[in-house]
Amino acid sequence: MKRLAVLGSTGSIGTQTLDIVSKHPERFGIEILTANSNIELLIEQTKRFSPDIVVITGQEHLGLLKGALKEIPVKIYAGIKAVEEVVASERVDMVVAAMVGYSGLRPVIAAIRAGKDIALANKETLVVAGELIRELNRDSKSKIIPIDSEHSAILQCLVGEFGNPVEKVTLTASGGPFRSYTIDQMNDATPEQALSHPKWNMGNKITIDSASMMNKGLEVIEARWLFDLDPDQIEVIIHPQSIIHSFVHFADGSVKAQLGLPDMRLPIVYALEYPERLFTDLPRFNPRDFGTLTFEEVDLKKFRNLAIAYSAIREGGTKPCIMNAANEIAVDAFLNRKIGFLQMTDLIEQVFEIVKSVNNPSLEELEESDRLSREAAINLVSKQRKR
């Protein structure tokens, strides 16, 4: 039995991971559950899966959590520092890193230092600190297996290739809810429209990122570090049907692609049992149901966030960290109707002008860059009015 620590258990990836665990109790056990503030669902999950430890990062909820679980034999802690400490437990075989945003960085670093295998769903870890993570991982027994459907697809295409040279990879994007919108229509887009993703069921933050194409920009940066690629070896193409999740192009001209229905449980279960495949009852892809698979170029005038991400990874240093921090503030401001949809990109560009990038940053310099970028973004939001 593989013993799991599920970080961010009440989010989209966390709940789907627990869905898989519930159907394979002979293969997986839950040792640790962590959540930010969804205390009701965390209580329900604790009662159902009987972990050894639960952590609520929102410390104000600790008393309520202890009260609700006083009859349950479980250790209860609070705060992000507690998450960092518990992932090193000898009882944990794999850490499912599904915390949203920058907050997931330090727990992943702690898991790498403890030699834990990591099923990585937290894009921001590699976006913010890809070079640092890669260096740490070289000296660790830890394996990082991506949960993102695109990176899982690349990994599946590379299995069995024994180091054969890769020419490039192609990440596919659905195009989100605004694929056919004009720029003027996007300028007037509401949070409700942006959250209506045509293919994927995800949390609010990642859904907004998908609508703005920032999600794909983050994936480009993530692919750079996961697979040791240059930015010019990573391209993005719109594929509205979301059946092909990535292509890998080899030096001899051959191309592999991984296909599957748009269901995050597929890359999750692959990561949990990698390199083995576990039988599931998930819906099957039938090519007869899809008469045509289509592809389109990305309009970088509409989806400026993707261009920004390429620029950030080419410059390196703390530039991706600045971008990520500004984007997290921008998404929150848009969801709370403080700025418009296209103003999110404007805000990121304005923060670039305020916070200077640092080359070869340490963890402390990354954290300072993150702090300064958030501070700058919040100040800018407070001065703006939605158009």
Protein backbone atom coordinates (compact mmCIF):
# COMPACT_ATOMS: atom_id res chain seq x y z
CA MET A 1 0.00 0.00 0.00
CA LYS A 2 1.27 3.45 -0.96
CA ARG A 3 0.81 5.99 1.84
CA LEU A 4 -0.10 9.48 0.67
CA ALA A 5 0.09 13.02 1.98
CA VAL A 6 -2.48 15.06 0.06
CA LEU A 7 -1.64 18.76 0.29
CA GLY A 8 -4.67 20.81 -0.68
CA SER A 9 -7.09 17.95 -0.18
CA THR A 10 -10.23 20.11 -0.44
CA GLY A 11 -9.35 21.60 -3.84
CA SER A 12 -10.13 20.22 -7.27
CA ILE A 13 -7.04 17.99 -7.60
CA GLY A 14 -7.19 16.97 -3.94
CA THR A 15 -10.82 15.84 -4.07
CA GLN A 16 -10.25 13.94 -7.32
CA THR A 17 -7.20 12.24 -5.80
CA LEU A 18 -9.31 11.11 -2.85
CA ASP A 19 -11.96 9.86 -5.28
CA ILE A 20 -9.33 7.58 -6.83
CA VAL A 21 -8.10 6.47 -3.40
CA SER A 22 -11.64 5.58 -2.33
CA LYS A 23 -11.94 3.19 -5.28
CA HIS A 24 -8.59 1.50 -4.60
CA PRO A 25 -8.32 1.13 -0.81
CA GLU A 26 -6.03 -1.88 -1.26
CA ARG A 27 -3.47 0.28 -3.13
CA PHE A 28 -3.51 3.61 -1.28
CA GLY A 29 -3.73 4.85 2.29
CA ILE A 30 -4.10 8.45 3.47
CA GLU A 31 -1.56 9.55 6.08
CA ILE A 32 -1.87 13.34 5.86
CA LEU A 33 -4.54 15.76 4.68
CA THR A 34 -4.04 19.53 4.52
CA ALA A 35 -6.37 22.36 3.58
CA ASN A 36 -6.39 26.13 3.68
CA SER A 37 -9.83 27.15 4.93
CA ASN A 38 -12.50 24.67 3.76
CA ILE A 39 -12.86 23.25 7.21
CA GLU A 40 -16.22 21.53 6.64
CA LEU A 41 -14.87 19.41 3.78
CA LEU A 42 -11.62 18.71 5.64
CA ILE A 43 -13.63 17.38 8.60
CA GLU A 44 -15.66 15.18 6.28
CA GLN A 45 -12.52 13.86 4.56
CA THR A 46 -10.84 13.15 7.90
CA LYS A 47 -13.78 11.09 9.10
CA ARG A 48 -13.90 9.17 5.84
CA PHE A 49 -10.19 8.47 5.22
CA SER A 50 -8.81 8.32 8.81
CA PRO A 51 -5.46 10.07 8.25
CA ASP A 52 -2.81 10.13 10.95
CA ILE A 53 -2.39 13.91 10.63
CA VAL A 54 -4.49 16.84 9.40
CA VAL A 55 -3.22 20.39 8.96
CA ILE A 56 -5.28 23.52 8.43
CA THR A 57 -3.06 26.33 7.14
CA GLY A 58 -5.56 28.98 8.22
CA GLN A 59 -4.64 29.07 11.91
CA GLU A 60 -7.90 30.81 12.89
CA HIS A 61 -9.73 27.54 12.14
CA LEU A 62 -7.66 25.36 14.48
CA GLY A 63 -10.02 25.50 17.46
CA LEU A 64 -13.07 24.63 15.37
CA LEU A 65 -11.22 21.75 13.70
CA LYS A 66 -10.08 20.30 17.02
CA GLY A 67 -13.58 20.55 18.39
CA ALA A 68 -15.14 18.79 15.42
CA LEU A 69 -12.58 15.98 15.49
CA LYS A 70 -12.20 15.51 19.24
CA GLU A 71 -13.61 11.97 19.04
CA ILE A 72 -11.32 11.01 16.14
CA PRO A 73 -7.79 9.65 16.82
CA VAL A 74 -5.95 12.15 14.61
CA LYS A 75 -3.11 14.63 15.18
CA ILE A 76 -4.15 18.18 14.32
CA TYR A 77 -1.83 21.09 13.46
CA ALA A 78 -2.13 24.54 11.91
CA GLY A 79 0.03 26.79 9.73
CA ILE A 80 2.16 26.40 6.62
CA LYS A 81 5.22 25.56 8.74
CA ALA A 82 3.38 22.50 10.03
CA VAL A 83 2.79 21.35 6.44
CA GLU A 84 6.53 21.60 5.77
CA GLU A 85 7.27 19.49 8.83
CA VAL A 86 4.71 16.71 8.38
CA VAL A 87 5.59 15.92 4.74
CA ALA A 88 8.92 14.54 5.99
CA SER A 89 7.14 11.85 8.03
CA GLU A 90 8.56 8.36 7.63
CA ARG A 91 5.00 7.13 7.21
CA VAL A 92 4.62 9.01 3.90
CA ASP A 93 5.61 7.39 0.58
CA MET A 94 4.30 10.05 -1.81
CA VAL A 95 3.28 13.69 -1.49
CA VAL A 96 0.45 14.89 -3.73
CA ALA A 97 1.30 18.60 -4.07
CA ALA A 98 -2.07 20.16 -4.92
CA MET A 99 -1.91 23.39 -2.93
CA VAL A 100 -2.84 26.41 -5.04
CA GLY A 101 -0.33 29.13 -5.79
CA TYR A 102 2.99 30.17 -4.27
CA SER A 103 2.10 28.68 -0.87
CA GLY A 104 2.93 25.23 -2.20
CA LEU A 105 6.64 26.00 -2.74
CA ARG A 106 8.13 25.39 0.70
CA PRO A 107 6.22 22.13 1.35
CA VAL A 108 7.50 20.75 -1.96
CA ILE A 109 11.06 21.75 -1.06
CA ALA A 110 10.66 20.01 2.30
CA ALA A 111 9.36 16.87 0.57
CA ILE A 112 12.32 16.84 -1.85
CA ARG A 113 14.79 17.21 1.01
CA ALA A 114 13.09 14.29 2.75
CA GLY A 115 13.42 12.16 -0.39
CA LYS A 116 9.68 11.78 -0.97
CA ASP A 117 8.20 11.08 -4.36
CA ILE A 118 6.02 13.99 -5.43
CA ALA A 119 2.92 13.95 -7.62
CA LEU A 120 3.09 17.60 -8.64
CA ALA A 121 -0.03 19.59 -9.46
CA ASN A 122 1.22 22.90 -8.08
CA LYS A 123 2.51 24.68 -11.20
CA GLU A 124 3.84 27.63 -9.26
CA THR A 125 6.55 25.53 -7.58
CA LEU A 126 8.49 25.12 -10.82
CA VAL A 127 7.42 28.47 -12.27
CA VAL A 128 8.79 30.40 -9.29
CA ALA A 129 11.79 28.25 -8.39
CA GLY A 130 12.42 25.80 -11.24
CA GLU A 131 16.20 26.08 -11.19
CA LEU A 132 16.34 25.76 -7.41
CA ILE A 133 14.01 22.75 -7.44
CA ARG A 134 16.08 21.03 -10.12
CA GLU A 135 19.29 21.54 -8.14
CA LEU A 136 17.71 20.21 -4.95
CA ASN A 137 16.29 17.22 -6.79
CA ARG A 138 19.69 16.23 -8.15
CA ASP A 139 20.86 15.49 -4.61
CA SER A 140 17.64 13.75 -3.52
CA LYS A 141 16.03 10.34 -4.01
CA SER A 142 12.81 12.19 -4.75
CA LYS A 143 11.02 11.67 -8.06
CA ILE A 144 8.75 14.43 -9.39
CA ILE A 145 5.86 13.08 -11.45
CA PRO A 146 3.66 15.75 -13.04
CA ILE A 147 -0.12 15.71 -12.66
CA ASP A 148 -0.86 18.41 -15.25
CA SER A 149 -2.47 16.63 -18.21
CA GLU A 150 0.00 18.21 -20.66
CA HIS A 151 3.12 17.26 -18.73
CA SER A 152 1.75 13.82 -17.91
CA ALA A 153 1.23 13.36 -21.65
CA ILE A 154 4.85 14.34 -22.38
CA LEU A 155 6.10 11.93 -19.72
CA GLN A 156 3.99 9.11 -21.15
CA CYS A 157 5.36 9.80 -24.63
CA LEU A 158 8.94 9.71 -23.33
CA VAL A 159 8.62 6.39 -21.46
CA GLY A 160 10.61 3.79 -23.37
CA GLU A 161 12.55 6.31 -25.44
CA PHE A 162 15.77 5.71 -23.47
CA GLY A 163 17.14 9.22 -23.89
CA ASN A 164 16.42 9.58 -27.60
CA PRO A 165 16.83 13.25 -28.53
CA VAL A 166 13.72 15.40 -28.42
CA GLU A 167 13.40 18.10 -31.07
CA LYS A 168 10.48 19.92 -29.43
CA VAL A 169 7.22 19.43 -27.56
CA THR A 170 3.79 20.84 -28.36
CA LEU A 171 1.42 21.67 -25.51
CA THR A 172 -2.23 21.83 -26.47
CA ALA A 173 -4.70 24.38 -25.14
CA SER A 174 -8.47 24.25 -25.37
CA GLY A 175 -8.65 27.98 -26.02
CA GLY A 176 -10.93 28.39 -23.01
CA PRO A 177 -14.24 30.25 -23.02
CA PHE A 178 -12.86 33.21 -24.98
CA ARG A 179 -11.34 31.39 -27.96
CA SER A 180 -13.81 32.98 -30.40
CA TYR A 181 -14.11 36.33 -28.59
CA THR A 182 -12.79 39.58 -29.99
CA ILE A 183 -10.48 41.71 -27.86
CA ASP A 184 -13.35 44.14 -27.22
CA GLN A 185 -15.55 41.28 -26.03
CA MET A 186 -12.80 40.02 -23.74
CA ASN A 187 -12.42 43.49 -22.27
CA ASP A 188 -16.03 43.32 -21.09
CA ALA A 189 -15.88 39.69 -19.92
CA THR A 190 -17.31 38.90 -16.48
CA PRO A 191 -15.93 36.46 -13.90
CA GLU A 192 -18.94 34.21 -14.57
CA GLN A 193 -18.06 34.03 -18.26
CA ALA A 194 -14.39 33.39 -17.54
CA LEU A 195 -15.28 30.58 -15.12
CA SER A 196 -17.40 28.77 -17.75
CA HIS A 197 -14.66 26.55 -19.14
CA PRO A 198 -15.87 24.48 -22.11
CA LYS A 199 -13.91 21.32 -21.32
CA TRP A 200 -12.29 21.13 -17.88
CA ASN A 201 -13.71 21.22 -14.36
CA MET A 202 -11.12 23.06 -12.24
CA GLY A 203 -10.81 25.45 -9.32
CA ASN A 204 -11.46 29.17 -9.77
CA LYS A 205 -7.86 30.33 -9.96
CA ILE A 206 -6.72 27.82 -12.58
CA THR A 207 -9.93 28.35 -14.57
CA ILE A 208 -9.30 32.10 -14.82
CA ASP A 209 -5.68 31.36 -15.75
CA SER A 210 -6.95 29.08 -18.49
CA ALA A 211 -9.27 31.79 -19.83
CA SER A 212 -6.37 34.28 -19.98
CA MET A 213 -3.84 31.68 -21.25
CA MET A 214 -1.64 32.34 -18.22
CA ASN A 215 -2.20 28.70 -17.35
CA LYS A 216 -0.50 27.70 -20.60
CA GLY A 217 2.31 30.16 -19.94
CA LEU A 218 2.89 28.57 -16.55
CA GLU A 219 2.91 25.15 -18.23
CA VAL A 220 5.57 26.28 -20.71
CA ILE A 221 7.82 27.30 -17.82
CA GLU A 222 7.04 24.08 -15.97
CA ALA A 223 7.89 21.97 -19.04
CA ARG A 224 11.20 23.78 -19.36
CA TRP A 225 12.30 22.51 -15.94
CA LEU A 226 10.58 19.12 -15.89
CA PHE A 227 12.07 17.97 -19.18
CA ASP A 228 15.23 20.12 -19.44
CA LEU A 229 14.08 21.96 -22.56
CA ASP A 230 14.93 25.35 -23.99
CA PRO A 231 11.97 27.75 -24.34
CA ASP A 232 12.30 27.53 -28.14
CA GLN A 233 11.68 23.77 -27.89
CA ILE A 234 8.23 24.32 -26.36
CA GLU A 235 5.31 25.45 -28.50
CA VAL A 236 1.60 25.91 -27.79
CA ILE A 237 -1.29 25.21 -30.14
CA ILE A 238 -5.04 25.48 -29.60
CA HIS A 239 -6.90 22.18 -29.80
CA PRO A 240 -10.57 22.85 -28.91
CA GLN A 241 -11.55 19.20 -28.44
CA SER A 242 -8.96 18.68 -25.64
CA ILE A 243 -8.34 15.06 -26.67
CA ILE A 244 -4.63 15.27 -27.55
CA HIS A 245 -2.86 16.59 -24.47
CA SER A 246 0.67 16.99 -25.86
CA PHE A 247 2.93 16.00 -28.74
CA VAL A 248 6.59 15.03 -28.50
CA HIS A 249 8.64 15.53 -31.69
CA PHE A 250 11.81 13.44 -31.98
CA ALA A 251 15.02 14.14 -33.87
CA ASP A 252 14.25 11.58 -36.57
CA GLY A 253 10.98 13.31 -37.49
CA SER A 254 8.71 10.94 -35.60
CA VAL A 255 5.96 12.39 -33.39
CA LYS A 256 4.19 10.82 -30.42
CA ALA A 257 0.94 12.10 -28.96
CA GLN A 258 -1.02 11.10 -25.88
CA LEU A 259 -4.81 11.05 -26.17
CA GLY A 260 -7.58 10.81 -23.62
CA LEU A 261 -10.82 12.40 -22.50
CA PRO A 262 -10.47 15.71 -20.61
CA ASP A 263 -10.60 14.17 -17.12
CA MET A 264 -7.96 15.11 -14.54
CA ARG A 265 -8.36 11.75 -12.83
CA LEU A 266 -6.39 10.18 -15.71
CA PRO A 267 -3.09 12.04 -15.07
CA ILE A 268 -3.67 11.78 -11.32
CA VAL A 269 -3.93 8.00 -11.33
CA TYR A 270 -0.95 7.77 -13.69
CA ALA A 271 1.16 9.87 -11.29
CA LEU A 272 0.08 7.85 -8.26
CA GLU A 273 1.19 4.51 -9.73
CA TYR A 274 3.92 5.62 -12.17
CA PRO A 275 5.41 3.80 -14.03
CA GLU A 276 2.67 1.18 -13.68
CA ARG A 277 -0.87 1.65 -14.96
CA LEU A 278 -3.78 0.95 -12.65
CA PHE A 279 -7.07 -0.37 -13.99
CA THR A 280 -9.85 2.17 -13.51
CA ASP A 281 -13.53 2.48 -14.32
CA LEU A 282 -13.05 5.95 -15.81
CA PRO A 283 -14.87 6.75 -19.09
CA ARG A 284 -13.03 5.56 -22.20
CA PHE A 285 -12.09 7.60 -25.26
CA ASN A 286 -13.77 6.34 -28.45
CA PRO A 287 -12.38 7.91 -31.64
CA ARG A 288 -15.73 7.31 -33.37
CA ASP A 289 -17.23 9.96 -31.11
CA PHE A 290 -14.84 12.57 -32.53
CA GLY A 291 -15.05 12.87 -36.28
CA THR A 292 -12.53 15.70 -36.45
CA LEU A 293 -9.68 16.95 -34.27
CA THR A 294 -8.73 20.53 -35.08
CA PHE A 295 -5.82 22.82 -34.30
CA GLU A 296 -5.34 26.60 -34.38
CA GLU A 297 -2.53 29.06 -33.77
CA VAL A 298 -2.66 31.11 -30.57
CA ASP A 299 -3.45 34.79 -31.12
CA LEU A 300 -0.84 36.46 -28.92
CA LYS A 301 -2.52 39.84 -29.32
CA LYS A 302 -5.59 38.42 -27.57
CA PHE A 303 -3.72 36.18 -25.15
CA ARG A 304 -0.82 38.40 -24.12
CA ASN A 305 -0.19 36.37 -20.97
CA LEU A 306 1.36 33.57 -23.01
CA ALA A 307 3.82 35.98 -24.63
CA ILE A 308 4.63 37.39 -21.18
CA ALA A 309 5.42 33.92 -19.86
CA TYR A 310 7.81 33.17 -22.74
CA SER A 311 9.55 36.48 -22.10
CA ALA A 312 9.82 35.72 -18.38
CA ILE A 313 11.39 32.29 -18.80
CA ARG A 314 13.85 33.58 -21.41
CA GLU A 315 14.99 36.33 -19.04
CA GLY A 316 15.05 33.94 -16.08
CA GLY A 317 16.08 34.94 -12.58
CA THR A 318 13.15 36.12 -10.50
CA LYS A 319 11.15 37.32 -13.53
CA PRO A 320 8.83 34.26 -13.52
CA CYS A 321 8.38 34.75 -9.75
CA ILE A 322 7.37 38.38 -10.28
CA MET A 323 4.94 37.33 -13.01
CA ASN A 324 3.39 34.62 -10.89
CA ALA A 325 2.90 36.85 -7.84
CA ALA A 326 1.38 39.67 -9.88
CA ASN A 327 -0.90 37.21 -11.65
CA GLU A 328 -2.21 35.74 -8.39
CA ILE A 329 -3.17 39.24 -7.20
CA ALA A 330 -4.63 40.08 -10.63
CA VAL A 331 -6.83 36.95 -10.70
CA ASP A 332 -8.14 37.66 -7.21
CA ALA A 333 -8.87 41.28 -8.16
CA PHE A 334 -10.73 40.20 -11.30
CA LEU A 335 -12.79 37.62 -9.42
CA ASN A 336 -13.73 40.34 -6.94
CA ARG A 337 -14.63 42.75 -9.80
CA LYS A 338 -11.92 45.26 -8.92
CA ILE A 339 -10.34 45.14 -12.38
CA GLY A 340 -11.41 43.98 -15.82
CA PHE A 341 -10.32 40.81 -17.61
CA LEU A 342 -7.69 42.41 -19.85
CA GLN A 343 -6.48 44.60 -17.00
CA MET A 344 -5.00 41.47 -15.42
CA THR A 345 -2.28 41.45 -18.09
CA ASP A 346 -1.80 45.21 -17.78
CA LEU A 347 -1.25 44.77 -14.06
CA ILE A 348 1.47 42.14 -14.57
CA GLU A 349 3.30 44.39 -17.03
CA GLN A 350 3.12 47.31 -14.60
CA VAL A 351 4.57 45.19 -11.78
CA PHE A 352 7.47 44.24 -14.09
CA GLU A 353 8.32 47.94 -14.29
CA ILE A 354 8.31 48.31 -10.49
CA VAL A 355 10.05 45.14 -9.26
CA LYS A 356 13.46 44.40 -10.73
CA SER A 357 14.52 40.87 -11.56
CA VAL A 358 17.43 39.20 -9.72
CA ASN A 359 19.66 36.63 -11.44
CA ASN A 360 20.48 33.26 -9.83
CA PRO A 361 18.19 33.90 -6.85
CA SER A 362 18.32 32.09 -3.54
CA LEU A 363 15.12 30.94 -1.86
CA GLU A 364 15.21 34.04 0.34
CA GLU A 365 15.55 36.30 -2.73
CA LEU A 366 12.63 34.51 -4.39
CA GLU A 367 10.51 35.06 -1.30
CA GLU A 368 11.46 38.75 -1.20
CA SER A 369 10.65 39.10 -4.89
CA ASP A 370 7.28 37.45 -4.32
CA ARG A 371 6.54 39.79 -1.41
CA LEU A 372 7.52 42.94 -3.28
CA SER A 373 5.55 41.90 -6.37
CA ARG A 374 2.38 41.22 -4.40
CA GLU A 375 2.75 44.50 -2.57
CA ALA A 376 3.18 46.39 -5.85
CA ALA A 377 0.22 44.60 -7.46
CA ILE A 378 -2.07 45.28 -4.51
CA ASN A 379 -1.13 48.97 -4.56
CA LEU A 380 -1.84 49.17 -8.28
CA VAL A 381 -5.23 47.46 -7.89
CA SER A 382 -6.20 49.96 -5.22
CA LYS A 383 -5.53 52.82 -7.66
CA GLN A 384 -7.42 51.33 -10.58
CA ARG A 385 -11.06 51.22 -11.46
CA LYS A 386 -12.61 48.66 -13.71
CA ARG A 387 -13.10 50.02 -17.20
